[in-house]
Amino acid sequence: MQKIKILHVGEYVQGGVATYIKTLVAHENSNIENYILCSDYKSEHNWSLSECQVKYYEYKRSVANIPKAIYFIYKVINCVAPDIVYCHSTWAGFFVRVPLLFTRKRFRVVYNAHGWSFLQTVSKWKCCIYAWVEKTLSVKTDHIINVSKNEYEEAIRWGIDESLMSIIYSGISEEKEKNSIQINWPDDKINILFVGRFDQQKGIDILLEEFNKCSRADLQLTVIGEGVLKENNYKVKYGYDNVKFLGWVSHEEISAYYKAADVVVMPSRWEAFGLVAIEAMKYGTPVIASNCGALKEIIQHNKNGYLFSLKKGELTSILQKLSKKELIQLGKNAKLTFLQRYRAEQMINKTEELYMEINFSKK
């Protein structure tokens, strides 16, 4: 049987989206050949595929750069001739599907928003526009993957065709990454870790403000990540002795930080899934998360972590009461949750079954 060519198209592919794509393309399947195309700017550059299977396009997010991005993406599509183009995130879905409104579709389209744009904490009129765009572009989409039940239900509520969609929970490999670094954090501290972009969605500002209110001297916060869309002054404003900013850490090394941490914090304002949560749970590290989006599907309060609302003071209250003994037990439960629900094999098998179904269904 001839291999099915899958072209994964993204915009700024780093963090959770990069991990998601890496998990899919790392799996060897004799019937599938993977390719990757993403922005050269602010994207992962370390992939398991050969150089000829990975392409980058020059792009920085702005209206003026959209035509150039679309032109280059279609240049690569014409060269690779994929059977399926898998669009990862809102802008990638826009770049690939807008031209299809005016031309004949020569390939199947799978779309994963990795967080619907209309679920952001923005004004209602903006959400309505985002939903209208998504509904319009769904006409040229063969299938939409939602990474959580919350995403699926919200998409239906906003008018996306239910028959186009399915739920495939994100998953990661249960194998422990080998790393060359040793993290020596003090045993007499409760070591808290944040991993993510410095933008409104991930709520780094919420965490820093709430952490700054804590009166405990035995809390140590380590922040991994940077701003994607714009620079910020968090490091200047909050770079005290008990708050360390490390910037981005390589995918190969970040496992050492998850293992060393006593707890991971996710103060997200909205979250399609929350890959950081299951990455932490894989290493038996519990998670403190806001009760938004899919996080409340992953985290069970007082069982494998803690949930809090974004009301001021709730996160501070949890931080004030942290106990290493309790965190150890929560971590054991977190590891069990990961093994039961979020292993990579489950995500990969369902995704590859979907490829086959779409590719061999009637054109």
Protein backbone atom coordinates (compact mmCIF):
# COMPACT_ATOMS: atom_id res chain seq x y z
CA MET A 1 0.00 0.00 0.00
CA GLN A 2 1.24 3.47 -0.88
CA LYS A 3 2.13 5.60 2.12
CA ILE A 4 -0.26 8.33 3.20
CA LYS A 5 1.55 11.67 3.26
CA ILE A 6 0.65 13.90 6.20
CA LEU A 7 1.81 17.52 6.14
CA HIS A 8 1.60 19.13 9.59
CA VAL A 9 1.24 22.90 9.19
CA GLY A 10 1.70 25.28 12.10
CA GLU A 11 2.44 28.94 12.80
CA TYR A 12 4.53 29.55 15.96
CA VAL A 13 5.18 25.89 16.82
CA GLN A 14 6.69 25.66 20.28
CA GLY A 15 5.62 24.59 23.73
CA GLY A 16 2.54 22.35 23.84
CA VAL A 17 1.85 22.37 20.10
CA ALA A 18 5.45 21.37 19.36
CA THR A 19 5.24 18.52 21.88
CA TYR A 20 1.94 17.38 20.33
CA ILE A 21 3.37 17.27 16.79
CA LYS A 22 6.60 15.64 17.97
CA THR A 23 4.61 12.88 19.61
CA LEU A 24 2.68 12.17 16.40
CA VAL A 25 5.62 12.22 13.99
CA ALA A 26 7.96 10.22 16.24
CA HIS A 27 5.74 7.15 15.89
CA GLU A 28 6.93 4.84 13.13
CA ASN A 29 4.10 3.59 10.91
CA SER A 30 4.93 1.96 7.59
CA ASN A 31 1.72 3.36 6.09
CA ILE A 32 2.31 7.00 7.04
CA GLU A 33 4.95 9.54 5.98
CA ASN A 34 5.05 12.77 8.01
CA TYR A 35 6.21 16.24 6.98
CA ILE A 36 6.31 19.46 9.02
CA LEU A 37 5.92 23.08 7.92
CA CYS A 38 6.01 25.99 10.37
CA SER A 39 7.26 29.53 10.85
CA ASP A 40 11.02 29.91 11.08
CA TYR A 41 10.41 32.52 13.79
CA LYS A 42 9.49 31.31 17.29
CA SER A 43 9.17 27.64 16.32
CA GLU A 44 10.88 24.45 17.44
CA HIS A 45 13.90 23.52 15.27
CA ASN A 46 14.74 20.13 16.74
CA TRP A 47 12.67 17.37 15.11
CA SER A 48 13.03 13.61 14.75
CA LEU A 49 12.39 13.78 11.00
CA SER A 50 15.02 14.19 8.29
CA GLU A 51 15.82 17.69 7.02
CA CYS A 52 13.97 17.09 3.77
CA GLN A 53 10.77 16.43 5.75
CA VAL A 54 10.86 19.70 7.70
CA LYS A 55 10.31 23.12 6.09
CA TYR A 56 10.11 26.63 7.50
CA TYR A 57 8.60 29.82 6.12
CA GLU A 58 9.61 33.40 6.87
CA TYR A 59 6.89 35.00 8.92
CA LYS A 60 6.18 37.25 11.89
CA ARG A 61 2.58 37.67 12.95
CA SER A 62 1.03 40.68 11.20
CA VAL A 63 -1.71 41.26 8.63
CA ALA A 64 0.89 42.37 6.08
CA ASN A 65 2.71 39.02 6.31
CA ILE A 66 -0.34 36.80 5.80
CA PRO A 67 -0.22 36.70 1.96
CA LYS A 68 3.48 35.77 1.99
CA ALA A 69 2.86 33.00 4.52
CA ILE A 70 0.00 31.58 2.45
CA TYR A 71 2.10 31.74 -0.72
CA PHE A 72 5.00 29.80 0.84
CA ILE A 73 2.71 27.25 2.51
CA TYR A 74 1.05 26.44 -0.80
CA LYS A 75 4.41 26.28 -2.52
CA VAL A 76 5.39 23.52 -0.08
CA ILE A 77 1.99 21.82 -0.41
CA ASN A 78 2.45 21.66 -4.17
CA CYS A 79 5.95 20.22 -3.72
CA VAL A 80 5.07 17.60 -1.08
CA ALA A 81 1.66 16.73 -2.58
CA PRO A 82 0.23 15.51 0.74
CA ASP A 83 -2.86 13.36 1.05
CA ILE A 84 -3.80 15.13 4.27
CA VAL A 85 -2.84 18.58 5.55
CA TYR A 86 -3.12 18.67 9.33
CA CYS A 87 -3.50 22.29 10.48
CA HIS A 88 -2.34 22.95 14.03
CA SER A 89 -3.74 26.10 15.68
CA THR A 90 -5.95 28.97 14.54
CA TRP A 91 -3.57 30.79 12.21
CA ALA A 92 -2.35 27.65 10.47
CA GLY A 93 -5.97 26.71 9.88
CA PHE A 94 -6.59 30.16 8.43
CA PHE A 95 -3.55 30.08 6.13
CA VAL A 96 -4.43 26.67 4.67
CA ARG A 97 -8.22 26.93 4.41
CA VAL A 98 -8.86 30.48 3.19
CA PRO A 99 -7.48 29.79 -0.33
CA LEU A 100 -9.65 26.66 -0.49
CA LEU A 101 -12.75 28.87 -0.41
CA PHE A 102 -11.79 29.99 -3.92
CA THR A 103 -9.98 26.96 -5.40
CA ARG A 104 -10.48 23.22 -5.83
CA LYS A 105 -9.41 21.20 -2.80
CA ARG A 106 -6.77 18.62 -3.83
CA PHE A 107 -6.11 17.16 -0.38
CA ARG A 108 -7.96 16.33 2.81
CA VAL A 109 -7.88 18.82 5.68
CA VAL A 110 -7.70 17.96 9.38
CA TYR A 111 -7.87 20.88 11.79
CA ASN A 112 -6.96 21.11 15.46
CA ALA A 113 -7.39 24.58 16.96
CA HIS A 114 -5.42 23.61 20.10
CA GLY A 115 -7.73 26.07 21.82
CA TRP A 116 -10.69 27.70 20.05
CA SER A 117 -10.16 31.40 19.44
CA PHE A 118 -13.75 32.18 20.46
CA LEU A 119 -13.11 30.84 23.97
CA GLN A 120 -10.56 33.51 24.80
CA THR A 121 -11.33 36.04 27.51
CA VAL A 122 -12.02 38.83 25.05
CA SER A 123 -15.12 40.88 24.26
CA LYS A 124 -18.25 39.04 23.08
CA TRP A 125 -18.25 40.71 19.67
CA LYS A 126 -14.72 39.46 18.99
CA CYS A 127 -15.71 35.94 20.01
CA CYS A 128 -18.66 36.12 17.61
CA ILE A 129 -16.35 37.14 14.76
CA TYR A 130 -13.90 34.34 15.57
CA ALA A 131 -16.76 31.82 15.67
CA TRP A 132 -18.09 33.07 12.30
CA VAL A 133 -14.63 32.67 10.73
CA GLU A 134 -14.29 29.16 12.16
CA LYS A 135 -17.75 28.14 10.90
CA THR A 136 -16.98 29.53 7.45
CA LEU A 137 -13.64 27.73 7.19
CA SER A 138 -15.12 24.48 8.51
CA VAL A 139 -16.84 24.13 5.12
CA LYS A 140 -13.41 23.27 3.68
CA THR A 141 -12.45 20.95 6.55
CA ASP A 142 -12.78 17.17 6.43
CA HIS A 143 -12.41 16.66 10.15
CA ILE A 144 -11.88 18.70 13.33
CA ILE A 145 -10.08 17.21 16.32
CA ASN A 146 -10.91 18.57 19.76
CA VAL A 147 -8.40 17.77 22.48
CA SER A 148 -10.95 17.77 25.30
CA LYS A 149 -14.63 17.30 26.00
CA ASN A 150 -14.85 20.95 26.99
CA GLU A 151 -13.52 22.05 23.57
CA TYR A 152 -15.96 19.76 21.79
CA GLU A 153 -19.01 20.94 23.72
CA GLU A 154 -18.09 24.62 23.39
CA ALA A 155 -17.55 24.23 19.62
CA ILE A 156 -21.05 22.79 19.25
CA ARG A 157 -22.46 25.61 21.39
CA TRP A 158 -20.83 28.16 19.08
CA GLY A 159 -22.24 26.56 15.95
CA ILE A 160 -19.52 24.25 14.62
CA ASP A 161 -21.00 21.21 12.85
CA GLU A 162 -20.98 18.29 15.29
CA SER A 163 -20.70 15.74 12.47
CA LEU A 164 -17.27 17.13 11.52
CA MET A 165 -15.78 16.70 14.97
CA SER A 166 -14.39 14.18 17.41
CA ILE A 167 -12.50 14.19 20.72
CA ILE A 168 -8.97 12.82 20.90
CA TYR A 169 -7.30 13.55 24.21
CA SER A 170 -3.68 14.63 23.95
CA GLY A 171 -1.11 12.14 25.13
CA ILE A 172 2.63 11.85 25.63
CA SER A 173 5.09 8.98 25.76
CA GLU A 174 5.39 7.26 29.12
CA GLU A 175 9.10 6.68 28.50
CA LYS A 176 11.32 8.85 30.69
CA GLU A 177 13.51 11.22 28.68
CA LYS A 178 17.22 10.92 29.26
CA ASN A 179 18.74 14.26 30.20
CA SER A 180 22.24 15.46 30.86
CA ILE A 181 21.43 17.88 33.67
CA GLN A 182 20.89 17.44 37.39
CA ILE A 183 18.57 19.83 39.23
CA ASN A 184 19.70 20.45 42.80
CA TRP A 185 16.91 22.38 44.42
CA PRO A 186 16.95 22.78 48.23
CA ASP A 187 15.11 20.07 50.16
CA ASP A 188 13.95 22.55 52.78
CA LYS A 189 11.97 24.48 50.15
CA ILE A 190 8.70 23.67 48.38
CA ASN A 191 9.83 23.96 44.77
CA ILE A 192 7.10 25.31 42.48
CA LEU A 193 7.40 25.24 38.68
CA PHE A 194 5.68 27.20 35.90
CA VAL A 195 6.16 26.19 32.26
CA GLY A 196 4.61 28.18 29.42
CA ARG A 197 4.41 31.26 27.27
CA PHE A 198 4.28 34.70 28.86
CA ASP A 199 0.94 35.73 27.43
CA GLN A 200 -2.57 36.42 28.68
CA GLN A 201 -3.79 32.87 28.14
CA LYS A 202 -1.19 31.18 30.34
CA GLY A 203 -1.72 33.60 33.24
CA ILE A 204 1.91 34.13 34.26
CA ASP A 205 0.89 37.56 35.55
CA ILE A 206 -1.72 35.96 37.82
CA LEU A 207 0.83 33.55 39.27
CA LEU A 208 3.45 36.20 39.93
CA GLU A 209 0.98 38.57 41.57
CA GLU A 210 -0.46 35.82 43.80
CA PHE A 211 2.93 34.33 44.63
CA ASN A 212 4.18 37.77 45.60
CA LYS A 213 1.45 37.93 48.27
CA CYS A 214 2.63 34.76 50.01
CA SER A 215 4.25 35.27 53.38
CA ARG A 216 6.04 31.91 53.41
CA ALA A 217 9.80 32.00 53.03
CA ASP A 218 10.06 28.32 52.11
CA LEU A 219 8.41 28.67 48.68
CA GLN A 220 10.69 28.76 45.62
CA LEU A 221 9.24 29.52 42.18
CA THR A 222 11.06 28.60 38.96
CA VAL A 223 9.68 30.00 35.70
CA ILE A 224 10.41 28.32 32.36
CA GLY A 225 9.26 30.17 29.25
CA GLU A 226 9.33 33.53 27.52
CA GLY A 227 7.06 35.97 25.75
CA VAL A 228 5.96 34.82 22.29
CA LEU A 229 3.98 37.77 21.02
CA LYS A 230 5.77 40.59 22.81
CA GLU A 231 8.45 41.29 25.35
CA ASN A 232 7.60 41.88 29.00
CA ASN A 233 9.21 43.10 32.19
CA TYR A 234 8.22 40.20 34.46
CA LYS A 235 11.85 39.29 35.11
CA VAL A 236 12.66 42.85 36.17
CA LYS A 237 9.53 43.24 38.29
CA TYR A 238 9.48 39.81 39.96
CA GLY A 239 13.06 38.54 39.77
CA TYR A 240 13.52 38.23 43.51
CA ASP A 241 15.62 35.60 45.31
CA ASN A 242 12.69 33.19 45.50
CA VAL A 243 11.64 33.64 41.83
CA LYS A 244 13.99 32.38 39.10
CA PHE A 245 13.46 32.94 35.36
CA LEU A 246 15.19 30.41 33.12
CA GLY A 247 13.80 31.27 29.68
CA TRP A 248 12.96 28.35 27.40
CA VAL A 249 14.51 24.99 28.26
CA SER A 250 15.07 22.32 25.61
CA HIS A 251 12.54 19.52 25.27
CA GLU A 252 15.24 17.02 26.25
CA GLU A 253 16.13 18.83 29.49
CA ILE A 254 12.74 19.96 30.74
CA SER A 255 11.94 16.51 32.16
CA ALA A 256 14.60 17.09 34.82
CA TYR A 257 12.67 20.13 36.05
CA TYR A 258 9.35 18.28 36.17
CA LYS A 259 10.99 15.52 38.22
CA ALA A 260 12.67 17.96 40.62
CA ALA A 261 9.58 20.10 41.24
CA ASP A 262 7.27 19.47 44.17
CA VAL A 263 4.33 20.93 42.26
CA VAL A 264 3.57 22.59 38.90
CA VAL A 265 1.26 25.62 38.64
CA MET A 266 -1.03 26.37 35.66
CA PRO A 267 -2.91 29.66 36.24
CA SER A 268 -4.41 29.69 32.71
CA ARG A 269 -7.28 31.99 31.76
CA TRP A 270 -8.37 29.46 29.13
CA GLU A 271 -6.92 26.14 28.10
CA ALA A 272 -7.86 23.76 25.29
CA PHE A 273 -6.13 20.89 27.02
CA GLY A 274 -3.06 21.64 29.13
CA LEU A 275 -0.17 19.47 27.98
CA VAL A 276 2.04 20.82 30.76
CA ALA A 277 -0.29 19.16 33.27
CA ILE A 278 0.14 15.66 31.89
CA GLU A 279 3.87 16.20 31.36
CA ALA A 280 4.14 16.94 35.08
CA MET A 281 1.87 14.04 36.06
CA LYS A 282 3.98 11.64 34.00
CA TYR A 283 6.79 12.25 36.50
CA GLY A 284 4.52 11.97 39.51
CA THR A 285 4.34 15.74 40.06
CA PRO A 286 0.93 17.13 41.10
CA VAL A 287 -0.57 20.23 39.50
CA ILE A 288 -2.24 23.36 40.85
CA ALA A 289 -4.51 24.59 38.04
CA SER A 290 -7.24 27.10 37.38
CA ASN A 291 -10.63 25.47 36.91
CA CYS A 292 -10.96 26.58 33.28
CA GLY A 293 -11.37 24.63 30.07
CA ALA A 294 -10.01 21.11 30.02
CA LEU A 295 -7.91 21.54 33.17
CA LYS A 296 -10.90 20.62 35.31
CA GLU A 297 -11.14 17.37 33.29
CA ILE A 298 -7.50 16.49 34.05
CA ILE A 299 -7.10 17.72 37.64
CA GLN A 300 -9.23 16.32 40.45
CA HIS A 301 -9.17 18.65 43.43
CA ASN A 302 -7.44 17.16 46.48
CA LYS A 303 -6.79 13.90 44.61
CA ASN A 304 -4.08 14.52 41.99
CA GLY A 305 -3.69 18.26 42.48
CA TYR A 306 -5.62 21.39 43.36
CA LEU A 307 -8.11 23.50 41.40
CA PHE A 308 -8.79 27.20 41.99
CA SER A 309 -10.93 29.88 40.40
CA LEU A 310 -9.30 33.02 39.06
CA LYS A 311 -10.75 35.15 41.84
CA LYS A 312 -8.00 37.12 43.52
CA GLY A 313 -6.59 35.38 46.55
CA GLU A 314 -7.63 31.77 45.80
CA LEU A 315 -4.25 30.74 44.39
CA THR A 316 -2.46 32.53 47.22
CA SER A 317 -4.56 30.60 49.73
CA ILE A 318 -3.53 27.27 48.18
CA LEU A 319 0.14 28.26 48.10
CA GLN A 320 0.00 29.30 51.74
CA LYS A 321 -1.25 25.84 52.78
CA LEU A 322 1.09 23.66 50.69
CA SER A 323 2.56 20.64 52.44
CA LYS A 324 5.35 18.45 51.04
CA LYS A 325 3.77 15.36 52.61
CA GLU A 326 0.42 16.01 50.90
CA LEU A 327 2.11 16.83 47.60
CA ILE A 328 3.90 13.46 47.60
CA GLN A 329 0.58 11.60 47.89
CA LEU A 330 -1.06 13.81 45.26
CA GLY A 331 1.90 13.09 42.99
CA LYS A 332 1.35 9.32 43.26
CA ASN A 333 -2.28 9.80 42.23
CA ALA A 334 -1.21 12.12 39.40
CA LYS A 335 1.06 9.43 37.96
CA LEU A 336 -1.80 6.93 38.05
CA THR A 337 -4.11 9.37 36.25
CA PHE A 338 -1.52 9.82 33.52
CA LEU A 339 -1.09 6.08 32.96
CA GLN A 340 -4.84 5.50 32.81
CA ARG A 341 -5.80 8.32 30.44
CA TYR A 342 -3.00 10.26 28.79
CA ARG A 343 -0.43 7.92 27.27
CA ALA A 344 0.76 8.74 23.75
CA GLU A 345 -0.30 5.39 22.32
CA GLN A 346 -3.96 6.22 22.85
CA MET A 347 -3.69 9.56 21.01
CA ILE A 348 -1.52 8.19 18.20
CA ASN A 349 -3.72 5.16 17.50
CA LYS A 350 -6.91 7.23 17.32
CA THR A 351 -5.26 9.87 15.13
CA GLU A 352 -3.82 7.34 12.69
CA GLU A 353 -7.16 5.54 12.49
CA LEU A 354 -8.69 8.90 11.59
CA TYR A 355 -6.10 9.42 8.83
CA MET A 356 -7.05 6.09 7.27
CA GLU A 357 -10.76 6.74 7.53
CA ILE A 358 -10.48 10.18 5.95
CA ASN A 359 -8.03 9.20 3.22
CA PHE A 360 -10.02 6.21 2.01
CA SER A 361 -13.49 7.65 2.35
CA LYS A 362 -15.31 8.81 -0.79
CA LYS A 363 -13.86 12.00 -2.26
